[in-house]
Amino acid sequence: MPESEPRAEGAARSFAIAGRALSAPAAAPGLYVVATPIGNLGDITVRALETLSAADLVACEDTRVTRVLLDRYAIRTKLVAYHEHNAARMRPRLLEDLAEGRSIALVSDAGTPLISDPGYRLVVDAAAAGHRVVPIPGASALLSALVTAGLPTDAFLFAGFLAPKSAARRRRLAELARTPATLVFYESPRRLGECLADMAETLGADRQAAVARELTKLHETVVRGPLSELAAAFAGDPPRGEIVIAVGPPGEIAADPDDVDRLLAEALARLPVGAAASEVAKATGADRRALYRRALDLKGASEPDGGDDG
């Protein structure tokens, strides 16, 4: 489809799906944070199309990338570039547009805005100025990787991009090692092998993980296994495409006994034995039942306070 011209002042707001034109009502003034596809352009919601069509302008990282999406759905809303290199200059202009009662759709090149992109500051300033900030949910590489990784999803931590240098990367991984949740990272393909090797060394060679590549695209792949095996598999030529790494939560961790006793003592001063053991287990990643037994010893009780509460 050829590139469309921006919508003229006062022109009807519309979009098209499978060649069928649909109208969109004008959007109320405010900032709309709109999720867009991470690869497959079919992964966009009708509400997102209505919003992109109805907004007075679309603020995007790269106008060329977003124009491809808008052309696919015959949307002619004006595009303006808003990215990390021009944010300080463009943010006041966008805030002025909002103050004048315009509607702005904020998008990233792919996925949900503000997840590893510069939209955060604009949202903060828009909200502080009293403007409506409206989420238009949709695709996210983070969630797409998480649900296909085959790892626990009851608790997870998104840690963004790790440092490019190994020493700094390992320090950050050491900080996260005992987090009782699945860890999710974005990574550059050219650093993938080195990153996985550092993860295997710092988080544990047998810790289960998954590498998701090119999610929703033609060459989508998900490779699962222990970190040591993944590090070996990706040690050669770097793959192409967007990469998400998910690492499962730790198993039983041998935390420092003195630290454990201190944390248990502090928790026991406020909580029953079972609740204290659960709190320290979450904080350290140590086995809860072992902590429960140790808490009983510290409390000097011969009987549990009502039994193990699960």
C-alpha atoms as a PDB file:
ATOM      1  CA  MET A   1       0.000   0.000   0.000  1.00  0.00           C
ATOM      2  CA  PRO A   2       1.495   3.417  -0.882  1.00  0.00           C
ATOM      3  CA  GLU A   3       2.279   5.848   1.911  1.00  0.00           C
ATOM      4  CA  SER A   4      -0.767   7.916   2.808  1.00  0.00           C
ATOM      5  CA  GLU A   5      -0.857  11.671   3.253  1.00  0.00           C
ATOM      6  CA  PRO A   6      -1.597  13.059   6.723  1.00  0.00           C
ATOM      7  CA  ARG A   7      -5.250  13.656   7.490  1.00  0.00           C
ATOM      8  CA  ALA A   8      -6.403  17.129   6.540  1.00  0.00           C
ATOM      9  CA  GLU A   9      -7.827  19.492   9.146  1.00  0.00           C
ATOM     10  CA  GLY A  10     -11.454  18.550   9.802  1.00  0.00           C
ATOM     11  CA  ALA A  11     -11.275  15.385   7.696  1.00  0.00           C
ATOM     12  CA  ALA A  12     -13.171  12.316   8.825  1.00  0.00           C
ATOM     13  CA  ARG A  13     -11.334   9.972  11.166  1.00  0.00           C
ATOM     14  CA  SER A  14     -11.301   6.445   9.826  1.00  0.00           C
ATOM     15  CA  PHE A  15      -9.320   3.240   9.467  1.00  0.00           C
ATOM     16  CA  ALA A  16      -9.673   0.102   7.383  1.00  0.00           C
ATOM     17  CA  ILE A  17      -9.594  -3.612   8.193  1.00  0.00           C
ATOM     18  CA  ALA A  18      -9.399  -6.040   5.251  1.00  0.00           C
ATOM     19  CA  GLY A  19     -10.373  -3.236   2.913  1.00  0.00           C
ATOM     20  CA  ARG A  20     -13.459  -2.255   4.877  1.00  0.00           C
ATOM     21  CA  ALA A  21     -13.478   1.399   6.004  1.00  0.00           C
ATOM     22  CA  LEU A  22     -14.598   2.079   9.552  1.00  0.00           C
ATOM     23  CA  SER A  23     -15.128   5.435  11.227  1.00  0.00           C
ATOM     24  CA  ALA A  24     -13.679   6.434  14.584  1.00  0.00           C
ATOM     25  CA  PRO A  25     -15.170   9.042  16.923  1.00  0.00           C
ATOM     26  CA  ALA A  26     -12.965  11.969  17.889  1.00  0.00           C
ATOM     27  CA  ALA A  27     -10.789  11.236  20.907  1.00  0.00           C
ATOM     28  CA  ALA A  28     -11.225  13.269  24.076  1.00  0.00           C
ATOM     29  CA  PRO A  29      -8.207  15.438  24.961  1.00  0.00           C
ATOM     30  CA  GLY A  30      -5.410  13.537  26.673  1.00  0.00           C
ATOM     31  CA  LEU A  31      -2.396  11.302  26.234  1.00  0.00           C
ATOM     32  CA  TYR A  32      -3.177   7.791  25.005  1.00  0.00           C
ATOM     33  CA  VAL A  33      -0.444   5.189  25.614  1.00  0.00           C
ATOM     34  CA  VAL A  34      -1.074   2.774  22.740  1.00  0.00           C
ATOM     35  CA  ALA A  35       0.439  -0.707  22.418  1.00  0.00           C
ATOM     36  CA  THR A  36       1.336  -1.707  18.871  1.00  0.00           C
ATOM     37  CA  PRO A  37       2.416  -5.093  17.403  1.00  0.00           C
ATOM     38  CA  ILE A  38       5.866  -6.472  18.247  1.00  0.00           C
ATOM     39  CA  GLY A  39       6.170  -8.075  14.826  1.00  0.00           C
ATOM     40  CA  ASN A  40       2.999  -9.394  13.239  1.00  0.00           C
ATOM     41  CA  LEU A  41       0.958  -6.358  12.211  1.00  0.00           C
ATOM     42  CA  GLY A  42      -2.222  -8.342  12.739  1.00  0.00           C
ATOM     43  CA  ASP A  43      -1.622  -8.235  16.486  1.00  0.00           C
ATOM     44  CA  ILE A  44      -3.318  -4.897  17.072  1.00  0.00           C
ATOM     45  CA  THR A  45      -6.613  -4.271  18.813  1.00  0.00           C
ATOM     46  CA  VAL A  46      -9.614  -2.527  17.317  1.00  0.00           C
ATOM     47  CA  ARG A  47      -9.460  -0.028  20.164  1.00  0.00           C
ATOM     48  CA  ALA A  48      -5.852   0.795  19.275  1.00  0.00           C
ATOM     49  CA  LEU A  49      -6.857   1.385  15.636  1.00  0.00           C
ATOM     50  CA  GLU A  50      -9.721   3.618  16.726  1.00  0.00           C
ATOM     51  CA  THR A  51      -7.381   5.597  18.970  1.00  0.00           C
ATOM     52  CA  LEU A  52      -4.629   5.994  16.388  1.00  0.00           C
ATOM     53  CA  SER A  53      -7.209   7.138  13.851  1.00  0.00           C
ATOM     54  CA  ALA A  54      -9.048   9.470  16.217  1.00  0.00           C
ATOM     55  CA  ALA A  55      -6.049  11.192  17.818  1.00  0.00           C
ATOM     56  CA  ASP A  56      -4.933  14.617  16.644  1.00  0.00           C
ATOM     57  CA  LEU A  57      -1.364  13.338  16.338  1.00  0.00           C
ATOM     58  CA  VAL A  58       0.740  10.256  16.984  1.00  0.00           C
ATOM     59  CA  ALA A  59       4.054  10.642  18.842  1.00  0.00           C
ATOM     60  CA  CYS A  60       6.371   7.786  17.867  1.00  0.00           C
ATOM     61  CA  GLU A  61      10.013   6.723  18.091  1.00  0.00           C
ATOM     62  CA  ASP A  62      10.555   6.396  14.334  1.00  0.00           C
ATOM     63  CA  THR A  63       7.993   7.868  11.936  1.00  0.00           C
ATOM     64  CA  ARG A  64       9.066   5.418   9.201  1.00  0.00           C
ATOM     65  CA  VAL A  65       8.301   2.398  11.378  1.00  0.00           C
ATOM     66  CA  THR A  66       4.957   3.704  12.596  1.00  0.00           C
ATOM     67  CA  ARG A  67       3.978   4.847   9.090  1.00  0.00           C
ATOM     68  CA  VAL A  68       4.156   1.212   7.929  1.00  0.00           C
ATOM     69  CA  LEU A  69       1.609   0.260  10.572  1.00  0.00           C
ATOM     70  CA  LEU A  70      -0.689   3.199   9.865  1.00  0.00           C
ATOM     71  CA  ASP A  71      -0.566   2.602   6.112  1.00  0.00           C
ATOM     72  CA  ARG A  72      -1.544  -1.033   6.684  1.00  0.00           C
ATOM     73  CA  TYR A  73      -4.804   0.195   8.247  1.00  0.00           C
ATOM     74  CA  ALA A  74      -5.315   3.319   6.092  1.00  0.00           C
ATOM     75  CA  ILE A  75      -4.821   5.705   9.012  1.00  0.00           C
ATOM     76  CA  ARG A  76      -3.779   9.237   8.106  1.00  0.00           C
ATOM     77  CA  THR A  77      -3.092  10.813  11.492  1.00  0.00           C
ATOM     78  CA  LYS A  78      -0.143  13.215  11.636  1.00  0.00           C
ATOM     79  CA  LEU A  79       3.089  11.676  12.968  1.00  0.00           C
ATOM     80  CA  VAL A  80       5.730  13.433  15.081  1.00  0.00           C
ATOM     81  CA  ALA A  81       9.001  11.899  16.240  1.00  0.00           C
ATOM     82  CA  TYR A  82       9.502  11.516  19.996  1.00  0.00           C
ATOM     83  CA  HIS A  83      12.536   9.525  21.103  1.00  0.00           C
ATOM     84  CA  GLU A  84      15.424   9.634  23.559  1.00  0.00           C
ATOM     85  CA  HIS A  85      17.480  11.999  21.395  1.00  0.00           C
ATOM     86  CA  ASN A  86      14.825  14.700  20.999  1.00  0.00           C
ATOM     87  CA  ALA A  87      12.679  14.129  24.097  1.00  0.00           C
ATOM     88  CA  ALA A  88      13.914  17.192  25.982  1.00  0.00           C
ATOM     89  CA  ARG A  89      13.020  19.416  23.028  1.00  0.00           C
ATOM     90  CA  MET A  90       9.770  17.729  21.994  1.00  0.00           C
ATOM     91  CA  ARG A  91       8.219  17.084  25.403  1.00  0.00           C
ATOM     92  CA  PRO A  92       7.303  20.751  26.053  1.00  0.00           C
ATOM     93  CA  ARG A  93       5.682  20.939  22.602  1.00  0.00           C
ATOM     94  CA  LEU A  94       3.589  17.854  23.264  1.00  0.00           C
ATOM     95  CA  LEU A  95       2.577  19.172  26.671  1.00  0.00           C
ATOM     96  CA  GLU A  96       1.547  22.423  24.999  1.00  0.00           C
ATOM     97  CA  ASP A  97      -0.603  20.444  22.549  1.00  0.00           C
ATOM     98  CA  LEU A  98      -2.267  18.702  25.474  1.00  0.00           C
ATOM     99  CA  ALA A  99      -2.841  22.028  27.209  1.00  0.00           C
ATOM    100  CA  GLU A 100      -4.596  23.281  24.070  1.00  0.00           C
ATOM    101  CA  GLY A 101      -7.042  20.371  24.243  1.00  0.00           C
ATOM    102  CA  ARG A 102      -5.522  18.019  21.675  1.00  0.00           C
ATOM    103  CA  SER A 103      -5.377  14.253  21.843  1.00  0.00           C
ATOM    104  CA  ILE A 104      -1.999  12.522  21.452  1.00  0.00           C
ATOM    105  CA  ALA A 105      -1.389   8.821  20.870  1.00  0.00           C
ATOM    106  CA  LEU A 106       2.017   7.742  22.193  1.00  0.00           C
ATOM    107  CA  VAL A 107       3.512   4.629  20.561  1.00  0.00           C
ATOM    108  CA  SER A 108       6.879   2.895  20.498  1.00  0.00           C
ATOM    109  CA  ASP A 109       8.416   1.136  17.509  1.00  0.00           C
ATOM    110  CA  ALA A 110       6.955  -2.121  18.799  1.00  0.00           C
ATOM    111  CA  GLY A 111       4.997  -3.311  21.792  1.00  0.00           C
ATOM    112  CA  THR A 112       3.816  -1.391  24.824  1.00  0.00           C
ATOM    113  CA  PRO A 113       5.257   2.127  25.305  1.00  0.00           C
ATOM    114  CA  LEU A 114       7.335   2.894  28.419  1.00  0.00           C
ATOM    115  CA  ILE A 115       8.746  -0.666  28.519  1.00  0.00           C
ATOM    116  CA  SER A 116      12.430   0.107  27.818  1.00  0.00           C
ATOM    117  CA  ASP A 117      11.631   3.300  25.858  1.00  0.00           C
ATOM    118  CA  PRO A 118      11.576   7.060  26.636  1.00  0.00           C
ATOM    119  CA  GLY A 119       7.842   7.581  27.162  1.00  0.00           C
ATOM    120  CA  TYR A 120       8.003   7.546  30.970  1.00  0.00           C
ATOM    121  CA  ARG A 121       8.925  11.198  31.412  1.00  0.00           C
ATOM    122  CA  LEU A 122       6.138  12.394  29.118  1.00  0.00           C
ATOM    123  CA  VAL A 123       3.564  10.402  31.084  1.00  0.00           C
ATOM    124  CA  VAL A 124       4.863  11.790  34.385  1.00  0.00           C
ATOM    125  CA  ASP A 125       4.743  15.382  33.164  1.00  0.00           C
ATOM    126  CA  ALA A 126       1.363  14.990  31.482  1.00  0.00           C
ATOM    127  CA  ALA A 127      -0.170  13.530  34.631  1.00  0.00           C
ATOM    128  CA  ALA A 128       1.437  16.236  36.797  1.00  0.00           C
ATOM    129  CA  ALA A 129      -0.123  18.891  34.546  1.00  0.00           C
ATOM    130  CA  GLY A 130      -3.552  17.362  35.092  1.00  0.00           C
ATOM    131  CA  HIS A 131      -4.004  15.776  31.662  1.00  0.00           C
ATOM    132  CA  ARG A 132      -5.727  12.433  31.197  1.00  0.00           C
ATOM    133  CA  VAL A 133      -3.367   9.523  30.590  1.00  0.00           C
ATOM    134  CA  VAL A 134      -5.223   6.578  29.066  1.00  0.00           C
ATOM    135  CA  PRO A 135      -3.721   3.082  28.575  1.00  0.00           C
ATOM    136  CA  ILE A 136      -4.650   1.255  25.366  1.00  0.00           C
ATOM    137  CA  PRO A 137      -3.288  -2.237  26.120  1.00  0.00           C
ATOM    138  CA  GLY A 138      -2.015  -4.768  23.641  1.00  0.00           C
ATOM    139  CA  ALA A 139       1.130  -6.567  22.529  1.00  0.00           C
ATOM    140  CA  SER A 140       4.198  -6.841  24.764  1.00  0.00           C
ATOM    141  CA  ALA A 141       7.387  -8.806  24.118  1.00  0.00           C
ATOM    142  CA  LEU A 142       7.798  -9.207  27.882  1.00  0.00           C
ATOM    143  CA  LEU A 143       4.453 -10.962  28.371  1.00  0.00           C
ATOM    144  CA  SER A 144       4.649 -12.879  25.101  1.00  0.00           C
ATOM    145  CA  ALA A 145       7.984 -14.401  26.157  1.00  0.00           C
ATOM    146  CA  LEU A 146       6.765 -15.106  29.659  1.00  0.00           C
ATOM    147  CA  VAL A 147       3.729 -17.122  28.585  1.00  0.00           C
ATOM    148  CA  THR A 148       5.681 -19.259  26.112  1.00  0.00           C
ATOM    149  CA  ALA A 149       8.802 -19.837  28.255  1.00  0.00           C
ATOM    150  CA  GLY A 150       7.335 -22.705  30.288  1.00  0.00           C
ATOM    151  CA  LEU A 151       8.435 -21.087  33.566  1.00  0.00           C
ATOM    152  CA  PRO A 152       6.429 -20.048  36.655  1.00  0.00           C
ATOM    153  CA  THR A 153       4.283 -16.962  36.036  1.00  0.00           C
ATOM    154  CA  ASP A 154       2.788 -16.404  39.500  1.00  0.00           C
ATOM    155  CA  ALA A 155       5.572 -13.906  40.222  1.00  0.00           C
ATOM    156  CA  PHE A 156       7.999 -12.320  37.756  1.00  0.00           C
ATOM    157  CA  LEU A 157      10.430  -9.418  37.597  1.00  0.00           C
ATOM    158  CA  PHE A 158      11.207  -7.503  34.410  1.00  0.00           C
ATOM    159  CA  ALA A 159      14.823  -6.302  34.628  1.00  0.00           C
ATOM    160  CA  GLY A 160      15.141  -4.674  31.185  1.00  0.00           C
ATOM    161  CA  PHE A 161      18.534  -4.664  29.503  1.00  0.00           C
ATOM    162  CA  LEU A 162      21.597  -5.775  31.455  1.00  0.00           C
ATOM    163  CA  ALA A 163      24.881  -3.877  31.280  1.00  0.00           C
ATOM    164  CA  PRO A 164      26.968  -4.515  28.139  1.00  0.00           C
ATOM    165  CA  LYS A 165      30.157  -5.211  30.150  1.00  0.00           C
ATOM    166  CA  SER A 166      30.502  -8.595  31.838  1.00  0.00           C
ATOM    167  CA  ALA A 167      31.643  -7.321  35.263  1.00  0.00           C
ATOM    168  CA  ALA A 168      28.706  -4.930  35.630  1.00  0.00           C
ATOM    169  CA  ARG A 169      26.340  -7.534  34.232  1.00  0.00           C
ATOM    170  CA  ARG A 170      27.444 -10.111  36.786  1.00  0.00           C
ATOM    171  CA  ARG A 171      27.058  -7.631  39.641  1.00  0.00           C
ATOM    172  CA  ARG A 172      23.470  -6.950  38.627  1.00  0.00           C
ATOM    173  CA  LEU A 173      22.743 -10.656  38.211  1.00  0.00           C
ATOM    174  CA  ALA A 174      24.144 -11.311  41.694  1.00  0.00           C
ATOM    175  CA  GLU A 175      21.702  -8.727  43.071  1.00  0.00           C
ATOM    176  CA  LEU A 176      18.828 -10.538  41.386  1.00  0.00           C
ATOM    177  CA  ALA A 177      19.982 -14.111  42.093  1.00  0.00           C
ATOM    178  CA  ARG A 178      17.765 -14.725  45.122  1.00  0.00           C
ATOM    179  CA  THR A 179      14.650 -12.993  43.784  1.00  0.00           C
ATOM    180  CA  PRO A 180      11.829 -15.529  44.267  1.00  0.00           C
ATOM    181  CA  ALA A 181      10.357 -14.934  40.820  1.00  0.00           C
ATOM    182  CA  THR A 182      10.942 -15.600  37.147  1.00  0.00           C
ATOM    183  CA  LEU A 183      13.354 -12.987  35.766  1.00  0.00           C
ATOM    184  CA  VAL A 184      12.785 -11.482  32.314  1.00  0.00           C
ATOM    185  CA  PHE A 185      15.434  -9.565  30.347  1.00  0.00           C
ATOM    186  CA  TYR A 186      15.800  -7.972  26.928  1.00  0.00           C
ATOM    187  CA  GLU A 187      19.161  -8.564  25.272  1.00  0.00           C
ATOM    188  CA  SER A 188      21.087  -7.701  22.132  1.00  0.00           C
ATOM    189  CA  PRO A 189      21.649 -10.700  19.814  1.00  0.00           C
ATOM    190  CA  ARG A 190      25.384 -10.011  19.635  1.00  0.00           C
ATOM    191  CA  ARG A 191      25.715 -10.212  23.451  1.00  0.00           C
ATOM    192  CA  LEU A 192      23.401 -13.183  23.914  1.00  0.00           C
ATOM    193  CA  GLY A 193      26.056 -15.890  24.264  1.00  0.00           C
ATOM    194  CA  GLU A 194      28.169 -13.899  26.730  1.00  0.00           C
ATOM    195  CA  CYS A 195      25.095 -12.912  28.718  1.00  0.00           C
ATOM    196  CA  LEU A 196      23.901 -16.509  29.041  1.00  0.00           C
ATOM    197  CA  ALA A 197      27.378 -17.604  30.137  1.00  0.00           C
ATOM    198  CA  ASP A 198      27.365 -14.951  32.868  1.00  0.00           C
ATOM    199  CA  MET A 199      23.883 -16.051  33.909  1.00  0.00           C
ATOM    200  CA  ALA A 200      24.969 -19.685  34.160  1.00  0.00           C
ATOM    201  CA  GLU A 201      27.968 -18.664  36.274  1.00  0.00           C
ATOM    202  CA  THR A 202      26.079 -16.233  38.530  1.00  0.00           C
ATOM    203  CA  LEU A 203      22.557 -17.643  38.773  1.00  0.00           C
ATOM    204  CA  GLY A 204      23.407 -21.328  38.515  1.00  0.00           C
ATOM    205  CA  ALA A 205      24.182 -23.654  35.613  1.00  0.00           C
ATOM    206  CA  ASP A 206      21.116 -25.829  36.238  1.00  0.00           C
ATOM    207  CA  ARG A 207      18.626 -22.991  36.556  1.00  0.00           C
ATOM    208  CA  GLN A 208      15.858 -23.364  33.989  1.00  0.00           C
ATOM    209  CA  ALA A 209      15.511 -20.630  31.373  1.00  0.00           C
ATOM    210  CA  ALA A 210      14.225 -19.831  27.898  1.00  0.00           C
ATOM    211  CA  VAL A 211      15.462 -17.711  25.011  1.00  0.00           C
ATOM    212  CA  ALA A 212      12.658 -16.281  22.849  1.00  0.00           C
ATOM    213  CA  ARG A 213      13.593 -14.781  19.474  1.00  0.00           C
ATOM    214  CA  GLU A 214      11.562 -12.902  16.871  1.00  0.00           C
ATOM    215  CA  LEU A 215       8.287 -13.390  18.743  1.00  0.00           C
ATOM    216  CA  THR A 216       5.166 -13.244  16.509  1.00  0.00           C
ATOM    217  CA  LYS A 217       7.349 -13.042  13.385  1.00  0.00           C
ATOM    218  CA  LEU A 218       8.009 -15.577  10.635  1.00  0.00           C
ATOM    219  CA  HIS A 219      11.158 -16.998  12.251  1.00  0.00           C
ATOM    220  CA  GLU A 220       9.888 -17.088  15.846  1.00  0.00           C
ATOM    221  CA  THR A 221      11.824 -19.546  18.022  1.00  0.00           C
ATOM    222  CA  VAL A 222      11.807 -20.414  21.712  1.00  0.00           C
ATOM    223  CA  VAL A 223      14.648 -22.519  23.117  1.00  0.00           C
ATOM    224  CA  ARG A 224      14.232 -23.867  26.658  1.00  0.00           C
ATOM    225  CA  GLY A 225      16.641 -25.610  29.021  1.00  0.00           C
ATOM    226  CA  PRO A 226      19.197 -25.118  31.810  1.00  0.00           C
ATOM    227  CA  LEU A 227      21.301 -21.967  31.552  1.00  0.00           C
ATOM    228  CA  SER A 228      24.458 -24.012  30.939  1.00  0.00           C
ATOM    229  CA  GLU A 229      22.901 -25.679  27.879  1.00  0.00           C
ATOM    230  CA  LEU A 230      21.539 -22.400  26.530  1.00  0.00           C
ATOM    231  CA  ALA A 231      24.923 -20.727  26.996  1.00  0.00           C
ATOM    232  CA  ALA A 232      26.566 -23.508  24.986  1.00  0.00           C
ATOM    233  CA  ALA A 233      23.875 -23.413  22.302  1.00  0.00           C
ATOM    234  CA  PHE A 234      24.314 -19.684  21.691  1.00  0.00           C
ATOM    235  CA  ALA A 235      28.093 -19.509  22.171  1.00  0.00           C
ATOM    236  CA  GLY A 236      28.795 -19.356  18.435  1.00  0.00           C
ATOM    237  CA  ASP A 237      27.512 -16.924  15.843  1.00  0.00           C
ATOM    238  CA  PRO A 238      24.923 -14.576  17.320  1.00  0.00           C
ATOM    239  CA  PRO A 239      21.355 -15.027  16.135  1.00  0.00           C
ATOM    240  CA  ARG A 240      19.370 -12.298  14.412  1.00  0.00           C
ATOM    241  CA  GLY A 241      16.308 -10.524  15.680  1.00  0.00           C
ATOM    242  CA  GLU A 242      14.826  -9.328  18.941  1.00  0.00           C
ATOM    243  CA  ILE A 243      15.723 -11.403  22.012  1.00  0.00           C
ATOM    244  CA  VAL A 244      13.957 -11.965  25.332  1.00  0.00           C
ATOM    245  CA  ILE A 245      15.517 -14.134  28.057  1.00  0.00           C
ATOM    246  CA  ALA A 246      13.396 -15.618  30.849  1.00  0.00           C
ATOM    247  CA  VAL A 247      15.064 -17.293  33.840  1.00  0.00           C
ATOM    248  CA  GLY A 248      13.100 -19.383  36.320  1.00  0.00           C
ATOM    249  CA  PRO A 249      13.071 -18.635  40.055  1.00  0.00           C
ATOM    250  CA  PRO A 250      15.768 -20.101  42.310  1.00  0.00           C
ATOM    251  CA  GLY A 251      15.330 -23.356  44.157  1.00  0.00           C
ATOM    252  CA  GLU A 252      16.530 -23.795  47.703  1.00  0.00           C
ATOM    253  CA  ILE A 253      19.370 -21.377  48.347  1.00  0.00           C
ATOM    254  CA  ALA A 254      21.896 -21.732  51.112  1.00  0.00           C
ATOM    255  CA  ALA A 255      21.592 -18.239  52.545  1.00  0.00           C
ATOM    256  CA  ASP A 256      24.103 -17.022  55.127  1.00  0.00           C
ATOM    257  CA  PRO A 257      22.943 -18.503  58.493  1.00  0.00           C
ATOM    258  CA  ASP A 258      23.685 -15.318  60.430  1.00  0.00           C
ATOM    259  CA  ASP A 259      21.652 -13.242  57.983  1.00  0.00           C
ATOM    260  CA  VAL A 260      18.800 -15.738  58.104  1.00  0.00           C
ATOM    261  CA  ASP A 261      18.727 -15.751  61.907  1.00  0.00           C
ATOM    262  CA  ARG A 262      18.737 -11.960  62.011  1.00  0.00           C
ATOM    263  CA  LEU A 263      15.900 -11.700  59.516  1.00  0.00           C
ATOM    264  CA  LEU A 264      13.912 -14.387  61.320  1.00  0.00           C
ATOM    265  CA  ALA A 265      14.384 -12.665  64.677  1.00  0.00           C
ATOM    266  CA  GLU A 266      13.166  -9.378  63.231  1.00  0.00           C
ATOM    267  CA  ALA A 267      10.163 -11.075  61.623  1.00  0.00           C
ATOM    268  CA  LEU A 268       9.303 -13.052  64.776  1.00  0.00           C
ATOM    269  CA  ALA A 269       9.092  -9.807  66.725  1.00  0.00           C
ATOM    270  CA  ARG A 270       6.114  -8.856  64.527  1.00  0.00           C
ATOM    271  CA  LEU A 271       4.630 -12.071  63.195  1.00  0.00           C
ATOM    272  CA  PRO A 272       3.680 -15.655  64.120  1.00  0.00           C
ATOM    273  CA  VAL A 273       6.182 -18.365  63.245  1.00  0.00           C
ATOM    274  CA  GLY A 274       4.570 -19.419  59.958  1.00  0.00           C
ATOM    275  CA  ALA A 275       4.180 -15.856  58.678  1.00  0.00           C
ATOM    276  CA  ALA A 276       7.743 -14.991  59.730  1.00  0.00           C
ATOM    277  CA  ALA A 277       9.114 -18.006  57.852  1.00  0.00           C
ATOM    278  CA  SER A 278       7.132 -17.053  54.735  1.00  0.00           C
ATOM    279  CA  GLU A 279       8.378 -13.461  54.829  1.00  0.00           C
ATOM    280  CA  VAL A 280      12.038 -14.483  55.129  1.00  0.00           C
ATOM    281  CA  ALA A 281      11.612 -17.151  52.434  1.00  0.00           C
ATOM    282  CA  LYS A 282      10.385 -14.486  50.013  1.00  0.00           C
ATOM    283  CA  ALA A 283      13.254 -12.158  50.944  1.00  0.00           C
ATOM    284  CA  THR A 284      16.050 -14.733  50.648  1.00  0.00           C
ATOM    285  CA  GLY A 285      14.814 -17.497  48.370  1.00  0.00           C
ATOM    286  CA  ALA A 286      15.601 -20.025  51.118  1.00  0.00           C
ATOM    287  CA  ASP A 287      13.347 -23.031  51.719  1.00  0.00           C
ATOM    288  CA  ARG A 288      10.298 -22.032  53.752  1.00  0.00           C
ATOM    289  CA  ARG A 289       9.964 -25.295  55.684  1.00  0.00           C
ATOM    290  CA  ALA A 290      13.599 -25.149  56.788  1.00  0.00           C
ATOM    291  CA  LEU A 291      13.052 -21.564  57.865  1.00  0.00           C
ATOM    292  CA  TYR A 292       9.920 -22.589  59.767  1.00  0.00           C
ATOM    293  CA  ARG A 293      11.890 -25.172  61.725  1.00  0.00           C
ATOM    294  CA  ARG A 294      14.653 -22.666  62.420  1.00  0.00           C
ATOM    295  CA  ALA A 295      12.103 -20.072  63.539  1.00  0.00           C
ATOM    296  CA  LEU A 296      10.685 -22.567  66.047  1.00  0.00           C
ATOM    297  CA  ASP A 297      14.187 -23.114  67.420  1.00  0.00           C
ATOM    298  CA  LEU A 298      14.757 -19.383  67.755  1.00  0.00           C
ATOM    299  CA  LYS A 299      11.421 -18.861  69.423  1.00  0.00           C
ATOM    300  CA  GLY A 300      12.216 -21.637  71.841  1.00  0.00           C
ATOM    301  CA  ALA A 301       8.828 -23.210  71.312  1.00  0.00           C
ATOM    302  CA  SER A 302       8.213 -26.897  71.618  1.00  0.00           C
ATOM    303  CA  GLU A 303       4.951 -26.720  69.670  1.00  0.00           C
ATOM    304  CA  PRO A 304       4.157 -24.746  66.504  1.00  0.00           C
ATOM    305  CA  ASP A 305       1.758 -21.817  66.904  1.00  0.00           C
ATOM    306  CA  GLY A 306      -1.276 -23.454  65.384  1.00  0.00           C
ATOM    307  CA  GLY A 307       0.675 -25.582  62.926  1.00  0.00           C
ATOM    308  CA  ASP A 308       2.335 -24.896  59.621  1.00  0.00           C
ATOM    309  CA  ASP A 309       0.018 -22.531  57.788  1.00  0.00           C
ATOM    310  CA  GLY A 310       1.095 -23.627  54.325  1.00  0.00           C
END
